[in-house]
Amino acid sequence: MSKEIVSIHIDLSNTKQLNESFLEMFGSTIKLILQRMFGQDVFLPPVSVTGDRNQVETFAKVLAGERRYFDSYVNYGLNDPRTYRNKYELESAVSNFERATNIKWPFK
């Protein structure tokens, strides 16, 4: 029996695929990516993201915003002005992503 690693492909431009199955896969993949970004030792198969330039850039900005918000929360606490600023920037990035892709960001 062959143990082949299957990669994950997220196509941000194909809004026809917006069904429950896609959204569940999308949310699970984002969760794994964030867990790896935050240092958890989870298996993450290769992930490719496609779409137009704006869609891919807004996706990357949301992931980076999630990281900055989490880091400021851990380092400075929830009531620090830096954390509030990062939260606002994350919310803005999420809004831009949702507008560019017509896909709801799975985490609020």
N, C-alpha and C. Protein backbone atom coordinates (compact mmCIF):
# COMPACT_ATOMS: atom_id res chain seq x y z
N MET A 1 0.85 -1.17 0.00
CA MET A 1 0.00 0.00 0.00
C MET A 1 0.89 1.24 0.00
N SER A 2 0.65 2.14 -0.90
CA SER A 2 1.42 3.38 -1.03
C SER A 2 0.85 4.45 -0.11
N LYS A 3 1.75 5.10 0.61
CA LYS A 3 1.32 6.20 1.48
C LYS A 3 1.72 7.51 0.81
N GLU A 4 0.83 7.99 -0.03
CA GLU A 4 1.09 9.20 -0.79
C GLU A 4 0.48 10.40 -0.07
N ILE A 5 1.26 11.47 0.04
CA ILE A 5 0.76 12.69 0.66
C ILE A 5 -0.01 13.47 -0.39
N VAL A 6 -1.24 13.79 -0.06
CA VAL A 6 -2.10 14.53 -0.97
C VAL A 6 -2.02 16.01 -0.61
N SER A 7 -1.74 16.83 -1.59
CA SER A 7 -1.67 18.27 -1.32
C SER A 7 -3.06 18.88 -1.32
N ILE A 8 -3.15 20.07 -0.73
CA ILE A 8 -4.42 20.80 -0.66
C ILE A 8 -4.33 21.98 -1.60
N HIS A 9 -5.36 22.15 -2.42
CA HIS A 9 -5.41 23.27 -3.34
C HIS A 9 -6.64 24.12 -3.02
N ILE A 10 -6.40 25.39 -2.78
CA ILE A 10 -7.50 26.34 -2.52
C ILE A 10 -7.57 27.28 -3.71
N ASP A 11 -8.70 27.25 -4.42
CA ASP A 11 -8.91 28.13 -5.56
C ASP A 11 -9.86 29.24 -5.12
N LEU A 12 -9.30 30.42 -4.89
CA LEU A 12 -10.10 31.55 -4.40
C LEU A 12 -10.96 32.18 -5.48
N SER A 13 -10.70 31.85 -6.74
CA SER A 13 -11.44 32.49 -7.82
C SER A 13 -12.68 31.70 -8.24
N ASN A 14 -12.81 30.47 -7.80
CA ASN A 14 -13.92 29.64 -8.23
C ASN A 14 -15.05 29.71 -7.21
N THR A 15 -15.88 30.73 -7.32
CA THR A 15 -16.97 30.89 -6.35
C THR A 15 -18.11 29.90 -6.60
N LYS A 16 -18.07 29.15 -7.69
CA LYS A 16 -19.08 28.12 -7.94
C LYS A 16 -18.93 26.97 -6.96
N GLN A 17 -17.75 26.82 -6.37
CA GLN A 17 -17.49 25.72 -5.45
C GLN A 17 -17.90 26.05 -4.02
N LEU A 18 -18.53 27.18 -3.80
CA LEU A 18 -18.88 27.58 -2.44
C LEU A 18 -20.06 26.76 -1.93
N ASN A 19 -19.75 25.58 -1.46
CA ASN A 19 -20.75 24.74 -0.85
C ASN A 19 -20.24 24.33 0.52
N GLU A 20 -21.03 23.59 1.23
CA GLU A 20 -20.67 23.21 2.60
C GLU A 20 -19.38 22.42 2.65
N SER A 21 -19.15 21.55 1.70
CA SER A 21 -17.94 20.74 1.66
C SER A 21 -16.69 21.62 1.48
N PHE A 22 -16.75 22.57 0.54
CA PHE A 22 -15.62 23.47 0.32
C PHE A 22 -15.35 24.30 1.56
N LEU A 23 -16.41 24.85 2.14
CA LEU A 23 -16.23 25.72 3.30
C LEU A 23 -15.65 24.96 4.50
N GLU A 24 -16.06 23.71 4.66
CA GLU A 24 -15.50 22.89 5.74
C GLU A 24 -14.02 22.62 5.50
N MET A 25 -13.66 22.27 4.26
CA MET A 25 -12.26 22.04 3.91
C MET A 25 -11.45 23.32 4.09
N PHE A 26 -12.00 24.45 3.64
CA PHE A 26 -11.32 25.73 3.73
C PHE A 26 -11.05 26.08 5.20
N GLY A 27 -12.07 25.97 6.04
CA GLY A 27 -11.91 26.27 7.46
C GLY A 27 -10.90 25.35 8.13
N SER A 28 -10.94 24.07 7.80
CA SER A 28 -10.00 23.12 8.39
C SER A 28 -8.57 23.40 7.95
N THR A 29 -8.40 23.76 6.69
CA THR A 29 -7.07 24.07 6.18
C THR A 29 -6.51 25.33 6.83
N ILE A 30 -7.34 26.36 6.95
CA ILE A 30 -6.91 27.60 7.60
C ILE A 30 -6.53 27.32 9.05
N LYS A 31 -7.31 26.49 9.71
CA LYS A 31 -7.00 26.13 11.10
C LYS A 31 -5.63 25.46 11.20
N LEU A 32 -5.33 24.53 10.29
CA LEU A 32 -4.03 23.87 10.30
C LEU A 32 -2.90 24.84 10.02
N ILE A 33 -3.11 25.74 9.04
CA ILE A 33 -2.08 26.73 8.72
C ILE A 33 -1.79 27.60 9.93
N LEU A 34 -2.85 28.07 10.60
CA LEU A 34 -2.67 28.92 11.77
C LEU A 34 -1.99 28.17 12.91
N GLN A 35 -2.35 26.91 13.10
CA GLN A 35 -1.70 26.12 14.16
C GLN A 35 -0.21 26.01 13.89
N ARG A 36 0.17 25.77 12.63
CA ARG A 36 1.60 25.69 12.29
C ARG A 36 2.28 27.05 12.49
N MET A 37 1.60 28.13 12.11
CA MET A 37 2.16 29.47 12.28
C MET A 37 2.41 29.77 13.75
N PHE A 38 1.57 29.23 14.63
CA PHE A 38 1.68 29.52 16.05
C PHE A 38 2.53 28.49 16.78
N GLY A 39 3.24 27.65 16.04
CA GLY A 39 4.23 26.76 16.63
C GLY A 39 3.73 25.40 17.05
N GLN A 40 2.49 25.07 16.77
CA GLN A 40 2.01 23.74 17.13
C GLN A 40 2.55 22.73 16.12
N ASP A 41 2.87 21.56 16.61
CA ASP A 41 3.44 20.52 15.77
C ASP A 41 2.31 19.68 15.18
N VAL A 42 1.68 20.19 14.12
CA VAL A 42 0.62 19.47 13.44
C VAL A 42 1.07 19.18 12.02
N PHE A 43 0.57 18.09 11.46
CA PHE A 43 0.90 17.75 10.08
C PHE A 43 0.12 18.66 9.16
N LEU A 44 0.82 19.27 8.24
CA LEU A 44 0.20 20.12 7.22
C LEU A 44 0.73 19.70 5.87
N PRO A 45 -0.13 19.08 5.05
CA PRO A 45 0.33 18.71 3.71
C PRO A 45 0.61 19.98 2.89
N PRO A 46 1.29 19.83 1.77
CA PRO A 46 1.54 21.00 0.93
C PRO A 46 0.23 21.69 0.55
N VAL A 47 0.22 23.02 0.64
CA VAL A 47 -0.97 23.81 0.32
C VAL A 47 -0.64 24.77 -0.80
N SER A 48 -1.49 24.80 -1.81
CA SER A 48 -1.34 25.81 -2.87
C SER A 48 -2.60 26.65 -2.90
N VAL A 49 -2.41 27.93 -3.14
CA VAL A 49 -3.54 28.87 -3.18
C VAL A 49 -3.47 29.58 -4.53
N THR A 50 -4.59 29.55 -5.24
CA THR A 50 -4.65 30.24 -6.53
C THR A 50 -5.84 31.18 -6.54
N GLY A 51 -5.79 32.07 -7.47
CA GLY A 51 -6.82 33.09 -7.65
C GLY A 51 -6.15 34.26 -8.34
N ASP A 52 -6.89 35.34 -8.50
CA ASP A 52 -6.21 36.50 -9.09
C ASP A 52 -5.29 37.12 -8.04
N ARG A 53 -4.47 38.03 -8.48
CA ARG A 53 -3.44 38.61 -7.61
C ARG A 53 -4.04 39.21 -6.34
N ASN A 54 -5.12 39.96 -6.46
CA ASN A 54 -5.76 40.59 -5.31
C ASN A 54 -6.28 39.55 -4.32
N GLN A 55 -6.87 38.48 -4.81
CA GLN A 55 -7.40 37.44 -3.93
C GLN A 55 -6.29 36.77 -3.13
N VAL A 56 -5.20 36.43 -3.79
CA VAL A 56 -4.09 35.76 -3.11
C VAL A 56 -3.42 36.72 -2.12
N GLU A 57 -3.26 37.99 -2.51
CA GLU A 57 -2.65 38.97 -1.60
C GLU A 57 -3.52 39.21 -0.37
N THR A 58 -4.84 39.31 -0.55
CA THR A 58 -5.69 39.53 0.62
C THR A 58 -5.69 38.31 1.53
N PHE A 59 -5.59 37.11 0.95
CA PHE A 59 -5.49 35.89 1.73
C PHE A 59 -4.22 35.92 2.60
N ALA A 60 -3.11 36.27 1.98
CA ALA A 60 -1.84 36.35 2.72
C ALA A 60 -1.90 37.41 3.81
N LYS A 61 -2.54 38.54 3.53
CA LYS A 61 -2.64 39.61 4.52
C LYS A 61 -3.49 39.20 5.72
N VAL A 62 -4.53 38.41 5.49
CA VAL A 62 -5.34 37.94 6.61
C VAL A 62 -4.53 36.99 7.48
N LEU A 63 -3.79 36.08 6.86
CA LEU A 63 -2.97 35.16 7.65
C LEU A 63 -1.92 35.93 8.46
N ALA A 64 -1.28 36.91 7.84
CA ALA A 64 -0.29 37.72 8.55
C ALA A 64 -0.96 38.51 9.67
N GLY A 65 -2.16 39.02 9.41
CA GLY A 65 -2.90 39.76 10.43
C GLY A 65 -3.28 38.89 11.62
N GLU A 66 -3.68 37.65 11.32
CA GLU A 66 -3.98 36.70 12.41
C GLU A 66 -2.75 36.51 13.28
N ARG A 67 -1.59 36.37 12.66
CA ARG A 67 -0.36 36.16 13.41
C ARG A 67 0.00 37.37 14.28
N ARG A 68 -0.08 38.57 13.69
CA ARG A 68 0.25 39.78 14.46
C ARG A 68 -0.71 39.98 15.63
N TYR A 69 -1.99 39.75 15.40
CA TYR A 69 -2.98 39.92 16.47
C TYR A 69 -2.71 38.93 17.60
N PHE A 70 -2.46 37.68 17.26
CA PHE A 70 -2.19 36.67 18.27
C PHE A 70 -0.93 37.00 19.05
N ASP A 71 0.13 37.37 18.33
CA ASP A 71 1.39 37.71 19.00
C ASP A 71 1.22 38.90 19.95
N SER A 72 0.50 39.92 19.52
CA SER A 72 0.32 41.08 20.41
C SER A 72 -0.56 40.72 21.60
N TYR A 73 -1.54 39.86 21.40
CA TYR A 73 -2.38 39.41 22.51
C TYR A 73 -1.53 38.66 23.54
N VAL A 74 -0.67 37.75 23.08
CA VAL A 74 0.17 36.98 23.99
C VAL A 74 1.20 37.87 24.69
N ASN A 75 1.82 38.78 23.94
CA ASN A 75 2.90 39.59 24.48
C ASN A 75 2.43 40.78 25.32
N TYR A 76 1.30 41.37 24.97
CA TYR A 76 0.89 42.62 25.63
C TYR A 76 -0.46 42.55 26.32
N GLY A 77 -1.24 41.52 26.05
CA GLY A 77 -2.55 41.42 26.66
C GLY A 77 -3.63 42.01 25.78
N LEU A 78 -4.85 41.73 26.14
CA LEU A 78 -6.00 42.11 25.31
C LEU A 78 -6.28 43.60 25.33
N ASN A 79 -5.94 44.29 26.41
CA ASN A 79 -6.29 45.71 26.54
C ASN A 79 -5.18 46.67 26.12
N ASP A 80 -4.13 46.17 25.53
CA ASP A 80 -3.03 47.03 25.09
C ASP A 80 -3.39 47.71 23.76
N PRO A 81 -3.01 48.96 23.58
CA PRO A 81 -3.31 49.66 22.32
C PRO A 81 -2.75 48.96 21.08
N ARG A 82 -1.61 48.29 21.22
CA ARG A 82 -1.04 47.55 20.08
C ARG A 82 -1.93 46.39 19.68
N THR A 83 -2.52 45.74 20.68
CA THR A 83 -3.41 44.63 20.39
C THR A 83 -4.68 45.14 19.71
N TYR A 84 -5.23 46.25 20.21
CA TYR A 84 -6.41 46.84 19.57
C TYR A 84 -6.10 47.23 18.12
N ARG A 85 -4.93 47.81 17.88
CA ARG A 85 -4.55 48.21 16.52
C ARG A 85 -4.44 46.98 15.61
N ASN A 86 -3.83 45.92 16.11
CA ASN A 86 -3.70 44.70 15.32
C ASN A 86 -5.06 44.05 15.07
N LYS A 87 -5.95 44.14 16.04
CA LYS A 87 -7.30 43.60 15.85
C LYS A 87 -8.03 44.38 14.76
N TYR A 88 -7.92 45.70 14.79
CA TYR A 88 -8.56 46.53 13.77
C TYR A 88 -7.98 46.22 12.39
N GLU A 89 -6.66 46.09 12.29
CA GLU A 89 -6.01 45.77 11.01
C GLU A 89 -6.44 44.39 10.51
N LEU A 90 -6.59 43.44 11.43
CA LEU A 90 -7.06 42.11 11.05
C LEU A 90 -8.49 42.18 10.53
N GLU A 91 -9.35 42.90 11.22
CA GLU A 91 -10.74 43.03 10.76
C GLU A 91 -10.81 43.67 9.38
N SER A 92 -9.95 44.65 9.14
CA SER A 92 -9.89 45.29 7.83
C SER A 92 -9.41 44.30 6.76
N ALA A 93 -8.40 43.51 7.09
CA ALA A 93 -7.88 42.52 6.15
C ALA A 93 -8.94 41.45 5.84
N VAL A 94 -9.67 41.03 6.86
CA VAL A 94 -10.74 40.05 6.66
C VAL A 94 -11.81 40.62 5.74
N SER A 95 -12.20 41.86 5.98
CA SER A 95 -13.20 42.50 5.14
C SER A 95 -12.73 42.58 3.68
N ASN A 96 -11.48 42.94 3.48
CA ASN A 96 -10.92 43.01 2.12
C ASN A 96 -10.90 41.63 1.46
N PHE A 97 -10.54 40.60 2.22
CA PHE A 97 -10.52 39.24 1.70
C PHE A 97 -11.93 38.81 1.29
N GLU A 98 -12.89 39.04 2.17
CA GLU A 98 -14.26 38.63 1.87
C GLU A 98 -14.81 39.36 0.65
N ARG A 99 -14.47 40.62 0.52
CA ARG A 99 -14.92 41.40 -0.63
C ARG A 99 -14.26 40.90 -1.92
N ALA A 100 -12.98 40.55 -1.86
CA ALA A 100 -12.24 40.11 -3.04
C ALA A 100 -12.63 38.71 -3.50
N THR A 101 -13.03 37.85 -2.55
CA THR A 101 -13.26 36.44 -2.89
C THR A 101 -14.71 35.98 -2.78
N ASN A 102 -15.54 36.72 -2.11
CA ASN A 102 -16.91 36.29 -1.79
C ASN A 102 -16.93 35.04 -0.91
N ILE A 103 -15.85 34.84 -0.15
CA ILE A 103 -15.75 33.73 0.79
C ILE A 103 -15.67 34.31 2.19
N LYS A 104 -16.52 33.81 3.09
CA LYS A 104 -16.48 34.28 4.48
C LYS A 104 -15.24 33.72 5.16
N TRP A 105 -14.52 34.60 5.87
CA TRP A 105 -13.37 34.13 6.66
C TRP A 105 -13.92 33.30 7.80
N PRO A 106 -13.38 32.08 8.00
CA PRO A 106 -14.01 31.16 8.95
C PRO A 106 -13.84 31.49 10.42
N PHE A 107 -13.00 32.48 10.76
CA PHE A 107 -12.75 32.76 12.17
C PHE A 107 -13.06 34.22 12.45
N LYS A 108 -13.79 34.47 13.51
CA LYS A 108 -14.13 35.85 13.92
C LYS A 108 -13.76 36.04 15.37
